[in-house]
Amino acid sequence: MFLNAHELERECGGGRIRIEPFARDLLKPASYILRLGPDIARCTSRGVPIDPWTEDAAADRLRNETVTEAFVLHPNEFVLGATLEAISVPNTFMGLLSNLSHWARFGVSVHQGAAWVSPHFGTHAPTRLTLELHSVNPEPIILRPGMPICQIAFAPVRADPASGLPLNYSVYDGAAAPGRPRLYEEFGPMLPPNGQ
């Protein structure tokens, strides 16, 4: 069951969920509107395959930019963006990102399935969320920092302090956004070489 606007405002006011900066006007009945920040990373092609199972995978394919007024998202282009807001989620909640219907009607996807914001995310420091922007519109789309870009809903999670399971913080917690992929950095130490 997701928090309604009143419950979310209360949790933010009490500091348990942190959305910085918080604006009451961005509350929806069961979610909060997040805006596009000024930092993006464009993917560039080098003509050779990317091996995701390597340290710093794709780091040399991302070109960071800070946008002052606007940038163009081209047809079938993939760009990493970031939210303007920084988020902190306690262990008793999880977040779920969702595209805005407005952007879906322009053929723009804000996340490529990476919609889950885990409990404890941003607890070291409120952290901006990286967004995976992609357009299937046959025309270029102009995006501007500060535009509403997606929404986040929060649901309670039952804590089980007696489980004995290790607490695994997100590898993106506290990192600058947009951030490069860190698949190997998170799972490489847990698995045999070459994922065997």
Protein backbone atom coordinates (compact mmCIF):
# COMPACT_ATOMS: atom_id res chain seq x y z
CA MET A 1 0.00 0.00 0.00
CA PHE A 2 1.50 3.31 -1.09
CA LEU A 3 1.60 6.43 1.04
CA ASN A 4 -1.00 9.05 0.19
CA ALA A 5 -0.06 12.73 -0.13
CA HIS A 6 -0.87 13.51 3.51
CA GLU A 7 1.18 10.56 4.79
CA LEU A 8 4.10 11.39 2.50
CA GLU A 9 4.12 15.04 3.59
CA ARG A 10 4.10 13.90 7.23
CA GLU A 11 7.01 11.49 6.67
CA CYS A 12 9.00 14.20 4.86
CA GLY A 13 8.17 16.74 7.55
CA GLY A 14 9.40 14.35 10.23
CA GLY A 15 12.62 13.71 8.33
CA ARG A 16 12.11 9.97 7.89
CA ILE A 17 11.81 10.28 4.10
CA ARG A 18 13.90 13.12 2.72
CA ILE A 19 13.24 14.87 -0.59
CA GLU A 20 15.53 17.87 -0.98
CA PRO A 21 14.33 20.37 -1.98
CA PHE A 22 10.72 19.58 -1.05
CA ALA A 23 7.84 21.55 -2.60
CA ARG A 24 4.29 20.90 -1.46
CA ASP A 25 3.01 21.81 -4.94
CA LEU A 26 4.72 18.70 -6.35
CA LEU A 27 2.66 16.30 -4.19
CA LYS A 28 0.18 14.12 -6.10
CA PRO A 29 -2.53 11.97 -4.45
CA ALA A 30 -0.13 9.01 -3.98
CA SER A 31 3.24 10.20 -5.31
CA TYR A 32 5.68 13.08 -5.56
CA ILE A 33 6.80 14.72 -8.82
CA LEU A 34 10.56 14.81 -9.36
CA ARG A 35 12.21 17.33 -11.68
CA LEU A 36 15.03 16.98 -14.16
CA GLY A 37 18.40 18.21 -12.91
CA PRO A 38 21.03 19.99 -15.01
CA ASP A 39 23.54 17.14 -15.26
CA ILE A 40 23.47 14.57 -18.05
CA ALA A 41 25.81 11.95 -19.50
CA ARG A 42 25.58 11.16 -23.20
CA CYS A 43 26.54 7.72 -24.42
CA THR A 44 29.09 7.73 -27.22
CA SER A 45 30.00 4.91 -29.56
CA ARG A 46 33.53 3.54 -29.93
CA GLY A 47 32.55 0.79 -32.35
CA VAL A 48 33.47 -2.06 -29.98
CA PRO A 49 31.22 -4.00 -27.60
CA ILE A 50 30.90 -3.00 -23.95
CA ASP A 51 31.73 -5.75 -21.45
CA PRO A 52 29.45 -5.06 -18.46
CA TRP A 53 31.38 -7.62 -16.38
CA THR A 54 34.45 -5.40 -15.99
CA GLU A 55 35.42 -2.69 -13.55
CA ASP A 56 34.51 0.81 -14.77
CA ALA A 57 32.45 -0.68 -17.61
CA ALA A 58 31.20 2.00 -20.01
CA ALA A 59 32.96 4.79 -18.10
CA ASP A 60 34.83 5.70 -21.29
CA ARG A 61 31.52 5.84 -23.25
CA LEU A 62 29.85 8.51 -21.11
CA ARG A 63 30.40 12.21 -21.76
CA ASN A 64 29.24 14.36 -18.85
CA GLU A 65 27.57 17.70 -19.52
CA THR A 66 25.94 20.38 -17.39
CA VAL A 67 22.92 21.89 -19.10
CA THR A 68 22.10 25.51 -18.38
CA GLU A 69 18.98 25.98 -20.52
CA ALA A 70 18.04 22.93 -22.60
CA PHE A 71 19.32 19.86 -24.40
CA VAL A 72 17.97 17.76 -27.26
CA LEU A 73 17.10 14.09 -26.87
CA HIS A 74 17.36 12.63 -30.37
CA PRO A 75 15.31 9.73 -31.76
CA ASN A 76 16.55 6.40 -30.35
CA GLU A 77 19.18 8.19 -28.28
CA PHE A 78 20.05 7.03 -24.77
CA VAL A 79 21.09 9.66 -22.23
CA LEU A 80 21.65 9.38 -18.49
CA GLY A 81 20.03 12.21 -16.56
CA ALA A 82 19.47 12.90 -12.89
CA THR A 83 16.73 14.22 -10.68
CA LEU A 84 17.00 17.74 -9.33
CA GLU A 85 15.90 16.39 -5.95
CA ALA A 86 18.09 14.28 -3.67
CA ILE A 87 16.36 11.38 -1.91
CA SER A 88 16.87 9.54 1.36
CA VAL A 89 14.75 6.48 2.16
CA PRO A 90 14.78 4.79 5.59
CA ASN A 91 14.75 1.02 6.08
CA THR A 92 10.99 1.10 6.66
CA PHE A 93 10.11 2.33 3.15
CA MET A 94 10.93 1.66 -0.50
CA GLY A 95 10.34 3.92 -3.48
CA LEU A 96 8.98 3.18 -6.93
CA LEU A 97 9.74 5.49 -9.86
CA SER A 98 7.23 5.90 -12.65
CA ASN A 99 7.23 7.70 -15.96
CA LEU A 100 4.80 10.60 -16.26
CA SER A 101 2.02 9.95 -18.77
CA HIS A 102 2.91 13.29 -20.36
CA TRP A 103 6.37 12.00 -21.36
CA ALA A 104 5.04 8.61 -22.44
CA ARG A 105 2.77 10.45 -24.90
CA PHE A 106 5.87 12.10 -26.38
CA GLY A 107 7.51 8.67 -26.72
CA VAL A 108 10.03 9.42 -23.96
CA SER A 109 10.92 6.81 -21.37
CA VAL A 110 12.47 8.08 -18.15
CA HIS A 111 13.74 4.75 -16.83
CA GLN A 112 14.61 1.53 -18.60
CA GLY A 113 13.11 -0.68 -15.92
CA ALA A 114 15.33 0.66 -13.13
CA ALA A 115 12.34 1.84 -11.11
CA TRP A 116 13.16 0.45 -7.66
CA VAL A 117 14.54 2.70 -4.92
CA SER A 118 15.64 0.35 -2.15
CA PRO A 119 15.20 0.82 1.59
CA HIS A 120 18.24 2.63 3.04
CA PHE A 121 18.99 4.41 -0.27
CA GLY A 122 20.52 7.79 0.44
CA THR A 123 20.89 7.18 4.17
CA HIS A 124 24.60 8.10 4.09
CA ALA A 125 23.64 11.33 2.32
CA PRO A 126 20.52 12.29 0.32
CA THR A 127 21.32 11.23 -3.23
CA ARG A 128 19.97 12.31 -6.61
CA LEU A 129 18.52 9.50 -8.72
CA THR A 130 20.04 8.63 -12.09
CA LEU A 131 17.45 8.47 -14.88
CA GLU A 132 17.73 6.48 -18.11
CA LEU A 133 16.24 8.75 -20.78
CA HIS A 134 15.30 7.26 -24.16
CA SER A 135 13.09 8.50 -26.97
CA VAL A 136 11.22 6.55 -29.62
CA ASN A 137 9.66 9.72 -31.02
CA PRO A 138 10.68 10.20 -34.67
CA GLU A 139 11.39 13.87 -33.88
CA PRO A 140 13.99 15.31 -31.47
CA ILE A 141 12.64 16.31 -28.05
CA ILE A 142 13.82 19.38 -26.12
CA LEU A 143 14.32 18.82 -22.38
CA ARG A 144 15.02 21.55 -19.84
CA PRO A 145 16.39 21.40 -16.29
CA GLY A 146 13.61 21.95 -13.76
CA MET A 147 10.93 20.24 -15.89
CA PRO A 148 8.76 17.65 -14.12
CA ILE A 149 10.28 14.38 -15.36
CA CYS A 150 8.93 11.46 -13.30
CA GLN A 151 7.16 10.58 -10.08
CA ILE A 152 8.08 8.53 -7.04
CA ALA A 153 5.69 6.64 -4.78
CA PHE A 154 6.62 5.20 -1.39
CA ALA A 155 5.40 2.00 0.26
CA PRO A 156 6.13 0.71 3.76
CA VAL A 157 8.46 -2.25 4.20
CA ARG A 158 8.28 -4.50 7.22
CA ALA A 159 11.68 -4.54 8.88
CA ASP A 160 12.94 -7.90 10.13
CA PRO A 161 15.83 -7.07 12.47
CA ALA A 162 16.09 -10.70 13.57
CA SER A 163 16.68 -12.05 10.07
CA GLY A 164 20.47 -11.94 10.40
CA LEU A 165 20.82 -11.06 6.72
CA PRO A 166 23.58 -8.57 5.88
CA LEU A 167 22.46 -5.07 5.00
CA ASN A 168 23.62 -4.27 1.49
CA TYR A 169 23.56 -0.56 0.74
CA SER A 170 23.21 0.57 -2.85
CA VAL A 171 26.54 1.07 -4.64
CA TYR A 172 25.03 4.33 -5.91
CA ASP A 173 24.25 5.63 -2.40
CA GLY A 174 25.90 9.02 -2.01
CA ALA A 175 27.38 8.92 -5.53
CA ALA A 176 27.15 11.80 -7.97
CA ALA A 177 24.31 11.50 -10.47
CA PRO A 178 24.07 10.64 -13.25
CA GLY A 179 26.30 7.74 -12.40
CA ARG A 180 27.98 5.17 -14.61
CA PRO A 181 26.96 1.49 -14.37
CA ARG A 182 28.45 -0.37 -11.39
CA LEU A 183 27.23 -3.92 -12.02
CA TYR A 184 30.64 -5.51 -11.60
CA GLU A 185 31.53 -3.35 -8.61
CA GLU A 186 28.45 -4.59 -6.75
CA PHE A 187 28.31 -8.24 -7.73
CA GLY A 188 31.84 -9.08 -8.92
CA PRO A 189 33.18 -9.87 -5.42
CA MET A 190 30.23 -12.23 -4.79
CA LEU A 191 30.52 -14.36 -7.92
CA PRO A 192 33.26 -16.49 -9.50
CA PRO A 193 35.31 -14.97 -12.37
CA ASN A 194 33.39 -14.53 -15.65
CA GLY A 195 30.11 -15.11 -13.80
CA GLN A 196 30.60 -18.92 -13.85
